[in-house]
Protein backbone atom coordinates (compact mmCIF):
# COMPACT_ATOMS: atom_id res chain seq x y z
CA MET A 1 -31.87 -95.68 48.87
CA LYS A 2 -31.03 -99.35 48.75
CA THR A 3 -29.16 -101.14 51.38
CA HIS A 4 -26.64 -103.92 50.86
CA THR A 5 -25.69 -106.87 53.05
CA LEU A 6 -22.06 -107.16 54.07
CA ASP A 7 -21.78 -110.37 51.92
CA GLU A 8 -23.02 -108.44 48.74
CA VAL A 9 -20.48 -105.47 49.41
CA GLN A 10 -17.67 -107.97 49.92
CA ASP A 11 -18.67 -109.98 46.76
CA GLN A 12 -18.69 -106.76 44.75
CA LEU A 13 -15.67 -104.99 45.99
CA ILE A 14 -13.50 -108.07 46.74
CA GLY A 15 -14.74 -110.75 44.60
CA GLN A 16 -17.11 -113.68 45.26
CA ILE A 17 -16.01 -116.54 47.38
CA GLY A 18 -13.78 -118.95 45.50
CA THR A 19 -12.40 -116.54 43.04
CA PRO A 20 -8.65 -115.83 43.09
CA GLU A 21 -9.18 -112.27 44.13
CA ARG A 22 -11.23 -113.10 47.11
CA ASN A 23 -8.99 -116.04 48.05
CA HIS A 24 -5.90 -113.88 48.00
CA PHE A 25 -7.87 -111.18 50.09
CA GLU A 26 -8.76 -113.71 52.76
CA TYR A 27 -5.11 -115.16 52.86
CA GLU A 28 -3.70 -111.58 53.23
CA LEU A 29 -6.36 -110.84 56.10
CA GLN A 30 -5.37 -114.11 57.89
CA MET A 31 -1.66 -113.43 57.56
CA ASN A 32 -2.20 -109.88 58.85
CA LEU A 33 -4.31 -111.39 61.93
CA ILE A 34 -1.45 -113.89 62.69
CA GLY A 35 1.10 -111.02 62.80
CA LYS A 36 -1.06 -108.91 65.06
CA ALA A 37 -1.42 -111.97 67.38
CA ILE A 38 2.17 -112.54 67.39
CA LYS A 39 2.91 -108.93 68.30
CA LYS A 40 0.24 -108.85 71.10
CA THR A 41 1.37 -112.27 72.66
CA ARG A 42 5.07 -111.05 72.48
CA GLN A 43 3.97 -107.89 74.33
CA GLU A 44 2.07 -109.77 76.87
CA ARG A 45 5.15 -111.89 77.56
CA HIS A 46 7.14 -108.78 77.98
CA LEU A 47 9.54 -109.51 75.26
CA THR A 48 11.14 -107.03 72.84
CA GLN A 49 11.30 -107.83 69.20
CA GLU A 50 15.06 -108.21 69.69
CA GLU A 51 14.47 -110.73 72.54
CA LEU A 52 12.10 -112.74 70.63
CA GLY A 53 14.53 -112.60 67.51
CA LYS A 54 17.28 -114.00 69.76
CA LEU A 55 15.10 -116.70 70.97
CA ILE A 56 14.46 -117.98 67.49
CA GLY A 57 17.83 -116.89 65.82
CA VAL A 58 16.66 -113.98 63.57
CA GLN A 59 17.27 -110.35 63.69
CA LYS A 60 14.86 -107.76 65.35
CA ALA A 61 13.93 -106.54 61.72
CA GLN A 62 12.68 -109.99 60.89
CA ILE A 63 10.38 -109.96 63.83
CA SER A 64 8.96 -106.56 62.85
CA ARG A 65 8.46 -107.81 59.22
CA ILE A 66 6.60 -110.90 60.69
CA GLU A 67 4.33 -108.71 62.91
CA ASN A 68 3.39 -106.35 60.20
CA ASN A 69 2.91 -109.09 57.44
CA ALA A 70 3.27 -112.76 58.21
CA SER A 71 2.63 -113.70 54.63
CA ASN A 72 6.24 -113.47 53.56
CA VAL A 73 7.57 -115.76 56.14
CA THR A 74 8.72 -119.53 56.17
CA MET A 75 6.43 -122.12 58.06
CA ASP A 76 9.79 -122.99 60.06
CA THR A 77 10.00 -119.32 61.11
CA LEU A 78 6.40 -119.04 62.01
CA ILE A 79 6.76 -122.48 64.10
CA ARG A 80 9.85 -121.18 65.90
CA VAL A 81 8.20 -117.79 66.81
CA PHE A 82 5.03 -119.68 68.18
CA THR A 83 7.25 -122.15 69.98
CA ALA A 84 9.13 -119.40 71.65
CA LEU A 85 5.98 -117.72 72.62
CA LYS A 86 4.66 -121.02 74.09
CA ALA A 87 1.72 -121.27 71.64
CA LYS A 88 -0.01 -124.44 70.67
CA VAL A 89 0.11 -125.01 66.89
CA LYS A 90 -1.92 -127.29 65.01
CA PHE A 91 -2.12 -127.77 61.38
CA GLN A 92 -5.17 -129.04 59.37
CA ILE A 93 -4.75 -129.76 55.70
CA GLU A 94 -8.01 -130.80 53.72
CA LEU A 95 -7.77 -131.88 50.04
CA PRO A 96 -10.62 -133.75 48.06
CA ASP A 97 -9.39 -137.09 48.82
CA LEU A 98 -7.17 -136.50 51.97
CA ASN A 99 -7.55 -134.95 55.33
CA ILE A 100 -4.31 -134.54 57.57
CA SER A 101 -4.01 -133.15 61.10
CA ILE A 102 -0.58 -132.72 62.30
CA GLY A 103 -0.35 -132.64 65.93
CA GLU A 104 0.57 -129.82 68.33
CA PHE A 105 4.13 -128.29 68.19
């Protein structure tokens, strides 16, 4: 029986690095991890979804959606969530001829 590396399996099932399918998968995975991090931090701060929502001006249902799928949220809302949770936020944008770092929020 032939064995396969994790990279080989990912390339075969998800798509090779740089393909639209793989990029979409990686993006969704990152957004899922952000949602889980928000939920974990909110719970560590002993905040309910309703309390966090009130801090940033959204309904409890919006906090639930963010925690379950952060890919369908505006950057403004994410920054407000992270600010309310007292998280440091840094943005790094890299383009072929441009590299921008936006300071902490």
